[in-house]
């Protein structure tokens, strides 16, 4: 999980061009920590790890 909204997407795209990533979750600015935890719990309970390979997503979804 990262809050590096400015540079992380660029770095992530460069990385996945040559390697596999387990995925990255970015937090939108000023998201309450309780909301971030709820979203992470939803992701964890409703999906499998292999569904997130090479994906970059923003929380809240």
N, C-alpha and C. Protein backbone atom coordinates (compact mmCIF):
# COMPACT_ATOMS: atom_id res chain seq x y z
N UNK A 1 0.85 -1.15 0.00
CA UNK A 1 0.00 0.00 0.00
C UNK A 1 0.91 1.23 0.00
N UNK A 2 0.48 2.25 -0.71
CA UNK A 2 1.30 3.45 -0.82
C UNK A 2 0.42 4.69 -0.88
N UNK A 3 0.97 5.81 -0.45
CA UNK A 3 0.32 7.11 -0.63
C UNK A 3 1.07 7.94 -1.68
N UNK A 4 2.03 7.34 -2.34
CA UNK A 4 2.82 8.04 -3.35
C UNK A 4 2.03 8.12 -4.66
N UNK A 5 1.06 9.01 -4.69
CA UNK A 5 0.14 9.10 -5.82
C UNK A 5 0.78 9.73 -7.04
N UNK A 6 1.80 10.52 -6.83
CA UNK A 6 2.41 11.25 -7.95
C UNK A 6 3.34 10.37 -8.77
N UNK A 7 4.23 9.64 -8.13
CA UNK A 7 5.25 8.91 -8.88
C UNK A 7 5.03 7.40 -8.94
N UNK A 8 4.28 6.85 -8.00
CA UNK A 8 4.13 5.39 -7.96
C UNK A 8 3.52 4.81 -9.24
N UNK A 9 2.47 5.40 -9.81
CA UNK A 9 1.92 4.82 -11.04
C UNK A 9 2.97 4.72 -12.16
N UNK A 10 3.81 5.72 -12.33
CA UNK A 10 4.85 5.69 -13.35
C UNK A 10 5.86 4.58 -13.05
N UNK A 11 6.33 4.52 -11.82
CA UNK A 11 7.29 3.48 -11.43
C UNK A 11 6.68 2.09 -11.59
N UNK A 12 5.43 1.96 -11.20
CA UNK A 12 4.75 0.67 -11.31
C UNK A 12 4.67 0.22 -12.77
N UNK A 13 4.26 1.12 -13.66
CA UNK A 13 4.16 0.77 -15.07
C UNK A 13 5.51 0.38 -15.66
N UNK A 14 6.54 1.07 -15.26
CA UNK A 14 7.88 0.71 -15.72
C UNK A 14 8.28 -0.68 -15.21
N UNK A 15 7.97 -0.94 -13.96
CA UNK A 15 8.34 -2.22 -13.37
C UNK A 15 7.63 -3.38 -14.05
N UNK A 16 6.31 -3.28 -14.21
CA UNK A 16 5.56 -4.40 -14.78
C UNK A 16 5.82 -4.59 -16.26
N UNK A 17 6.48 -3.65 -16.89
CA UNK A 17 6.86 -3.85 -18.29
C UNK A 17 7.91 -4.95 -18.42
N UNK A 18 8.65 -5.21 -17.33
CA UNK A 18 9.70 -6.21 -17.41
C UNK A 18 9.66 -7.27 -16.33
N UNK A 19 8.71 -7.18 -15.42
CA UNK A 19 8.63 -8.15 -14.33
C UNK A 19 7.19 -8.25 -13.85
N UNK A 20 6.93 -9.24 -13.02
CA UNK A 20 5.58 -9.42 -12.48
C UNK A 20 5.52 -8.81 -11.08
N UNK A 21 4.40 -8.17 -10.79
CA UNK A 21 4.18 -7.54 -9.50
C UNK A 21 2.99 -8.19 -8.81
N UNK A 22 3.03 -8.30 -7.49
CA UNK A 22 1.85 -8.80 -6.78
C UNK A 22 0.72 -7.77 -6.76
N UNK A 23 0.99 -6.57 -7.25
CA UNK A 23 0.00 -5.50 -7.29
C UNK A 23 0.32 -4.40 -6.29
N UNK A 24 -0.29 -3.25 -6.52
CA UNK A 24 -0.08 -2.08 -5.65
C UNK A 24 -1.44 -1.45 -5.38
N UNK A 25 -1.65 -1.07 -4.14
CA UNK A 25 -2.86 -0.36 -3.74
C UNK A 25 -2.45 1.04 -3.30
N UNK A 26 -3.03 2.04 -3.94
CA UNK A 26 -2.75 3.44 -3.61
C UNK A 26 -3.92 4.03 -2.84
N UNK A 27 -3.61 4.89 -1.90
CA UNK A 27 -4.66 5.56 -1.11
C UNK A 27 -4.95 6.93 -1.69
N UNK A 28 -6.22 7.21 -1.88
CA UNK A 28 -6.60 8.56 -2.31
C UNK A 28 -6.33 9.53 -1.17
N UNK A 29 -6.07 10.77 -1.55
CA UNK A 29 -5.73 11.80 -0.57
C UNK A 29 -6.84 11.96 0.47
N UNK A 30 -6.43 12.07 1.70
CA UNK A 30 -7.32 12.36 2.83
C UNK A 30 -8.34 11.26 3.13
N UNK A 31 -8.09 10.03 2.70
CA UNK A 31 -9.00 8.95 3.04
C UNK A 31 -8.85 8.63 4.53
N UNK A 32 -9.94 8.53 5.25
CA UNK A 32 -9.83 8.16 6.66
C UNK A 32 -9.26 6.74 6.79
N UNK A 33 -8.44 6.52 7.79
CA UNK A 33 -7.81 5.21 7.96
C UNK A 33 -8.87 4.12 8.12
N UNK A 34 -9.99 4.45 8.76
CA UNK A 34 -11.06 3.46 8.92
C UNK A 34 -11.61 3.01 7.58
N UNK A 35 -11.75 3.95 6.65
CA UNK A 35 -12.24 3.61 5.30
C UNK A 35 -11.21 2.76 4.56
N UNK A 36 -9.94 3.09 4.68
CA UNK A 36 -8.88 2.30 4.04
C UNK A 36 -8.89 0.87 4.57
N UNK A 37 -9.05 0.72 5.88
CA UNK A 37 -9.10 -0.62 6.48
C UNK A 37 -10.31 -1.39 5.98
N UNK A 38 -11.45 -0.75 5.90
CA UNK A 38 -12.66 -1.41 5.38
C UNK A 38 -12.45 -1.90 3.95
N UNK A 39 -11.87 -1.05 3.11
CA UNK A 39 -11.62 -1.41 1.72
C UNK A 39 -10.64 -2.58 1.61
N UNK A 40 -9.57 -2.54 2.42
CA UNK A 40 -8.59 -3.63 2.40
C UNK A 40 -9.22 -4.94 2.87
N UNK A 41 -10.07 -4.87 3.89
CA UNK A 41 -10.76 -6.07 4.37
C UNK A 41 -11.68 -6.63 3.29
N UNK A 42 -12.35 -5.75 2.56
CA UNK A 42 -13.22 -6.18 1.46
C UNK A 42 -12.40 -6.87 0.37
N UNK A 43 -11.30 -6.27 -0.01
CA UNK A 43 -10.42 -6.86 -1.03
C UNK A 43 -9.95 -8.23 -0.57
N UNK A 44 -9.50 -8.33 0.67
CA UNK A 44 -8.98 -9.58 1.21
C UNK A 44 -10.05 -10.67 1.23
N UNK A 45 -11.28 -10.32 1.62
CA UNK A 45 -12.32 -11.33 1.76
C UNK A 45 -13.01 -11.70 0.46
N UNK A 46 -12.98 -10.82 -0.52
CA UNK A 46 -13.76 -11.05 -1.74
C UNK A 46 -12.93 -11.39 -2.97
N UNK A 47 -11.63 -11.60 -2.80
CA UNK A 47 -10.81 -11.90 -3.98
C UNK A 47 -9.65 -12.81 -3.60
N UNK A 48 -8.96 -13.27 -4.61
CA UNK A 48 -7.77 -14.11 -4.43
C UNK A 48 -6.55 -13.30 -4.82
N UNK A 49 -5.41 -13.66 -4.25
CA UNK A 49 -4.17 -12.92 -4.51
C UNK A 49 -3.83 -12.86 -5.99
N UNK A 50 -4.07 -13.95 -6.73
CA UNK A 50 -3.70 -13.95 -8.15
C UNK A 50 -4.55 -12.99 -8.99
N UNK A 51 -5.66 -12.51 -8.45
CA UNK A 51 -6.48 -11.53 -9.16
C UNK A 51 -5.83 -10.14 -9.17
N UNK A 52 -4.84 -9.93 -8.32
CA UNK A 52 -4.23 -8.62 -8.16
C UNK A 52 -2.87 -8.51 -8.85
N UNK A 53 -2.42 -9.59 -9.46
CA UNK A 53 -1.12 -9.57 -10.12
C UNK A 53 -1.10 -8.47 -11.19
N UNK A 54 -0.06 -7.66 -11.14
CA UNK A 54 0.17 -6.57 -12.10
C UNK A 54 -0.93 -5.52 -12.13
N UNK A 55 -1.67 -5.38 -11.05
CA UNK A 55 -2.72 -4.37 -10.98
C UNK A 55 -2.33 -3.25 -10.05
N UNK A 56 -2.72 -2.06 -10.40
CA UNK A 56 -2.57 -0.88 -9.56
C UNK A 56 -3.98 -0.34 -9.36
N UNK A 57 -4.43 -0.25 -8.12
CA UNK A 57 -5.78 0.22 -7.83
C UNK A 57 -5.73 1.32 -6.78
N UNK A 58 -6.79 2.10 -6.74
CA UNK A 58 -6.93 3.19 -5.79
C UNK A 58 -7.97 2.84 -4.76
N UNK A 59 -7.72 3.19 -3.50
CA UNK A 59 -8.71 3.08 -2.44
C UNK A 59 -9.16 4.49 -2.10
N UNK A 60 -10.47 4.78 -1.99
CA UNK A 60 -11.54 3.81 -2.11
C UNK A 60 -11.71 3.35 -3.56
N UNK A 61 -12.21 2.12 -3.66
CA UNK A 61 -12.41 1.52 -4.99
C UNK A 61 -13.44 2.27 -5.79
